[in-house]
Amino acid sequence: MKTALSPEALDQMFRTARTPNGWTDKPVGDDLVYQLYDLFK
C-alpha cells in the first residue's frame, strides 16, 4: 500500500504535535467570538 503522506508529515501530525495548554492575555474581539459561534452552532 502506498502512503499518501510523507514520514515527516506523519511525524508532525501524530508523533510530535502538541496542543498549547494555557491562556494568553491577548484580547479577543467580538467579531471573532461571533464567527466562532456561527461555526459551532
PDB file of N, CA and C in Angstrom:
ATOM      1  N   MET A   1       0.846  -1.176   0.000  1.00  0.00           N
ATOM      2  CA  MET A   1       0.000   0.000   0.000  1.00  0.00           C
ATOM      3  C   MET A   1       0.889   1.235   0.000  1.00  0.00           C
ATOM      4  N   LYS A   2       0.547   2.191  -0.808  1.00  0.00           N
ATOM      5  CA  LYS A   2       1.328   3.420  -0.913  1.00  0.00           C
ATOM      6  C   LYS A   2       0.829   4.459   0.091  1.00  0.00           C
ATOM      7  N   THR A   3       1.743   5.149   0.752  1.00  0.00           N
ATOM      8  CA  THR A   3       1.405   6.154   1.741  1.00  0.00           C
ATOM      9  C   THR A   3       1.144   7.491   1.054  1.00  0.00           C
ATOM     10  N   ALA A   4       0.042   8.140   1.403  1.00  0.00           N
ATOM     11  CA  ALA A   4      -0.303   9.428   0.810  1.00  0.00           C
ATOM     12  C   ALA A   4       0.492  10.573   1.444  1.00  0.00           C
ATOM     13  N   LEU A   5       0.941  10.392   2.668  1.00  0.00           N
ATOM     14  CA  LEU A   5       1.687  11.435   3.369  1.00  0.00           C
ATOM     15  C   LEU A   5       3.124  10.994   3.593  1.00  0.00           C
ATOM     16  N   SER A   6       4.005  11.973   3.576  1.00  0.00           N
ATOM     17  CA  SER A   6       5.419  11.677   3.831  1.00  0.00           C
ATOM     18  C   SER A   6       5.628  11.339   5.300  1.00  0.00           C
ATOM     19  N   PRO A   7       6.719  10.664   5.609  1.00  0.00           N
ATOM     20  CA  PRO A   7       7.016  10.373   7.021  1.00  0.00           C
ATOM     21  C   PRO A   7       7.131  11.649   7.868  1.00  0.00           C
ATOM     22  N   GLU A   8       7.642  12.731   7.273  1.00  0.00           N
ATOM     23  CA  GLU A   8       7.751  13.993   8.014  1.00  0.00           C
ATOM     24  C   GLU A   8       6.375  14.545   8.366  1.00  0.00           C
ATOM     25  N   ALA A   9       5.431  14.453   7.426  1.00  0.00           N
ATOM     26  CA  ALA A   9       4.068  14.930   7.700  1.00  0.00           C
ATOM     27  C   ALA A   9       3.411  14.081   8.779  1.00  0.00           C
ATOM     28  N   LEU A  10       3.608  12.774   8.721  1.00  0.00           N
ATOM     29  CA  LEU A  10       3.059  11.893   9.750  1.00  0.00           C
ATOM     30  C   LEU A  10       3.660  12.207  11.115  1.00  0.00           C
ATOM     31  N   ASP A  11       4.955  12.469  11.156  1.00  0.00           N
ATOM     32  CA  ASP A  11       5.602  12.863  12.416  1.00  0.00           C
ATOM     33  C   ASP A  11       4.970  14.126  12.978  1.00  0.00           C
ATOM     34  N   GLN A  12       4.796  15.118  12.115  1.00  0.00           N
ATOM     35  CA  GLN A  12       4.251  16.388  12.583  1.00  0.00           C
ATOM     36  C   GLN A  12       2.824  16.230  13.088  1.00  0.00           C
ATOM     37  N   MET A  13       2.030  15.433  12.430  1.00  0.00           N
ATOM     38  CA  MET A  13       0.618  15.308  12.819  1.00  0.00           C
ATOM     39  C   MET A  13       0.397  14.396  14.015  1.00  0.00           C
ATOM     40  N   PHE A  14       1.132  13.303  14.090  1.00  0.00           N
ATOM     41  CA  PHE A  14       0.796  12.276  15.088  1.00  0.00           C
ATOM     42  C   PHE A  14       1.850  12.035  16.166  1.00  0.00           C
ATOM     43  N   ARG A  15       3.089  12.337  15.878  1.00  0.00           N
ATOM     44  CA  ARG A  15       4.139  11.969  16.831  1.00  0.00           C
ATOM     45  C   ARG A  15       4.721  13.148  17.590  1.00  0.00           C
ATOM     46  N   THR A  16       4.811  14.305  16.952  1.00  0.00           N
ATOM     47  CA  THR A  16       5.458  15.440  17.614  1.00  0.00           C
ATOM     48  C   THR A  16       4.529  16.622  17.845  1.00  0.00           C
ATOM     49  N   ALA A  17       3.304  16.564  17.340  1.00  0.00           N
ATOM     50  CA  ALA A  17       2.369  17.685  17.501  1.00  0.00           C
ATOM     51  C   ALA A  17       1.924  17.798  18.953  1.00  0.00           C
ATOM     52  N   ARG A  18       1.797  19.003  19.407  1.00  0.00           N
ATOM     53  CA  ARG A  18       1.337  19.256  20.764  1.00  0.00           C
ATOM     54  C   ARG A  18       0.339  20.404  20.737  1.00  0.00           C
ATOM     55  N   THR A  19      -0.614  20.351  21.611  1.00  0.00           N
ATOM     56  CA  THR A  19      -1.607  21.401  21.736  1.00  0.00           C
ATOM     57  C   THR A  19      -1.195  22.343  22.856  1.00  0.00           C
ATOM     58  N   PRO A  20      -1.215  23.655  22.587  1.00  0.00           N
ATOM     59  CA  PRO A  20      -0.913  24.590  23.672  1.00  0.00           C
ATOM     60  C   PRO A  20      -1.894  24.405  24.822  1.00  0.00           C
ATOM     61  N   ASN A  21      -1.393  24.514  26.012  1.00  0.00           N
ATOM     62  CA  ASN A  21      -2.224  24.301  27.188  1.00  0.00           C
ATOM     63  C   ASN A  21      -2.096  25.514  28.096  1.00  0.00           C
ATOM     64  N   GLY A  22      -2.878  26.535  27.809  1.00  0.00           N
ATOM     65  CA  GLY A  22      -2.832  27.727  28.639  1.00  0.00           C
ATOM     66  C   GLY A  22      -3.550  28.886  27.980  1.00  0.00           C
ATOM     67  N   TRP A  23      -3.606  29.985  28.680  1.00  0.00           N
ATOM     68  CA  TRP A  23      -4.284  31.174  28.216  1.00  0.00           C
ATOM     69  C   TRP A  23      -3.261  32.273  27.968  1.00  0.00           C
ATOM     70  N   THR A  24      -3.641  33.230  27.121  1.00  0.00           N
ATOM     71  CA  THR A  24      -2.806  34.410  26.914  1.00  0.00           C
ATOM     72  C   THR A  24      -3.590  35.642  27.360  1.00  0.00           C
ATOM     73  N   ASP A  25      -2.895  36.739  27.487  1.00  0.00           N
ATOM     74  CA  ASP A  25      -3.539  37.999  27.874  1.00  0.00           C
ATOM     75  C   ASP A  25      -4.073  38.763  26.665  1.00  0.00           C
ATOM     76  N   LYS A  26      -3.964  38.185  25.488  1.00  0.00           N
ATOM     77  CA  LYS A  26      -4.399  38.857  24.265  1.00  0.00           C
ATOM     78  C   LYS A  26      -5.929  38.896  24.205  1.00  0.00           C
ATOM     79  N   PRO A  27      -6.507  40.083  24.033  1.00  0.00           N
ATOM     80  CA  PRO A  27      -7.971  40.177  23.984  1.00  0.00           C
ATOM     81  C   PRO A  27      -8.531  39.573  22.699  1.00  0.00           C
ATOM     82  N   VAL A  28      -9.763  39.088  22.792  1.00  0.00           N
ATOM     83  CA  VAL A  28     -10.461  38.518  21.642  1.00  0.00           C
ATOM     84  C   VAL A  28     -11.605  39.456  21.289  1.00  0.00           C
ATOM     85  N   GLY A  29     -11.675  39.859  20.026  1.00  0.00           N
ATOM     86  CA  GLY A  29     -12.723  40.780  19.593  1.00  0.00           C
ATOM     87  C   GLY A  29     -14.080  40.108  19.471  1.00  0.00           C
ATOM     88  N   ASP A  30     -15.108  40.929  19.582  1.00  0.00           N
ATOM     89  CA  ASP A  30     -16.468  40.409  19.475  1.00  0.00           C
ATOM     90  C   ASP A  30     -16.714  39.738  18.127  1.00  0.00           C
ATOM     91  N   ASP A  31     -16.151  40.287  17.059  1.00  0.00           N
ATOM     92  CA  ASP A  31     -16.370  39.704  15.735  1.00  0.00           C
ATOM     93  C   ASP A  31     -15.848  38.275  15.657  1.00  0.00           C
ATOM     94  N   LEU A  32     -14.719  38.001  16.291  1.00  0.00           N
ATOM     95  CA  LEU A  32     -14.185  36.640  16.301  1.00  0.00           C
ATOM     96  C   LEU A  32     -15.073  35.708  17.121  1.00  0.00           C
ATOM     97  N   VAL A  33     -15.588  36.194  18.226  1.00  0.00           N
ATOM     98  CA  VAL A  33     -16.490  35.390  19.045  1.00  0.00           C
ATOM     99  C   VAL A  33     -17.741  35.035  18.245  1.00  0.00           C
ATOM    100  N   TYR A  34     -18.293  35.991  17.515  1.00  0.00           N
ATOM    101  CA  TYR A  34     -19.475  35.719  16.691  1.00  0.00           C
ATOM    102  C   TYR A  34     -19.162  34.730  15.569  1.00  0.00           C
ATOM    103  N   GLN A  35     -17.983  34.850  14.959  1.00  0.00           N
ATOM    104  CA  GLN A  35     -17.585  33.899  13.923  1.00  0.00           C
ATOM    105  C   GLN A  35     -17.484  32.491  14.481  1.00  0.00           C
ATOM    106  N   LEU A  36     -16.889  32.371  15.660  1.00  0.00           N
ATOM    107  CA  LEU A  36     -16.781  31.045  16.291  1.00  0.00           C
ATOM    108  C   LEU A  36     -18.156  30.488  16.643  1.00  0.00           C
ATOM    109  N   TYR A  37     -19.016  31.346  17.151  1.00  0.00           N
ATOM    110  CA  TYR A  37     -20.373  30.909  17.477  1.00  0.00           C
ATOM    111  C   TYR A  37     -21.087  30.379  16.225  1.00  0.00           C
ATOM    112  N   ASP A  38     -20.998  31.136  15.119  1.00  0.00           N
ATOM    113  CA  ASP A  38     -21.640  30.711  13.877  1.00  0.00           C
ATOM    114  C   ASP A  38     -21.055  29.396  13.373  1.00  0.00           C
ATOM    115  N   LEU A  39     -19.779  29.207  13.564  1.00  0.00           N
ATOM    116  CA  LEU A  39     -19.127  27.977  13.122  1.00  0.00           C
ATOM    117  C   LEU A  39     -19.605  26.776  13.934  1.00  0.00           C
ATOM    118  N   PHE A  40     -19.774  26.949  15.236  1.00  0.00           N
ATOM    119  CA  PHE A  40     -20.106  25.830  16.105  1.00  0.00           C
ATOM    120  C   PHE A  40     -21.589  25.512  16.197  1.00  0.00           C
ATOM    121  N   LYS A  41     -22.443  26.456  15.826  1.00  0.00           N
ATOM    122  CA  LYS A  41     -23.887  26.199  16.007  1.00  0.00           C
ATOM    123  C   LYS A  41     -24.477  25.250  14.985  1.00  0.00           C
TER     124      LYS A  41
END
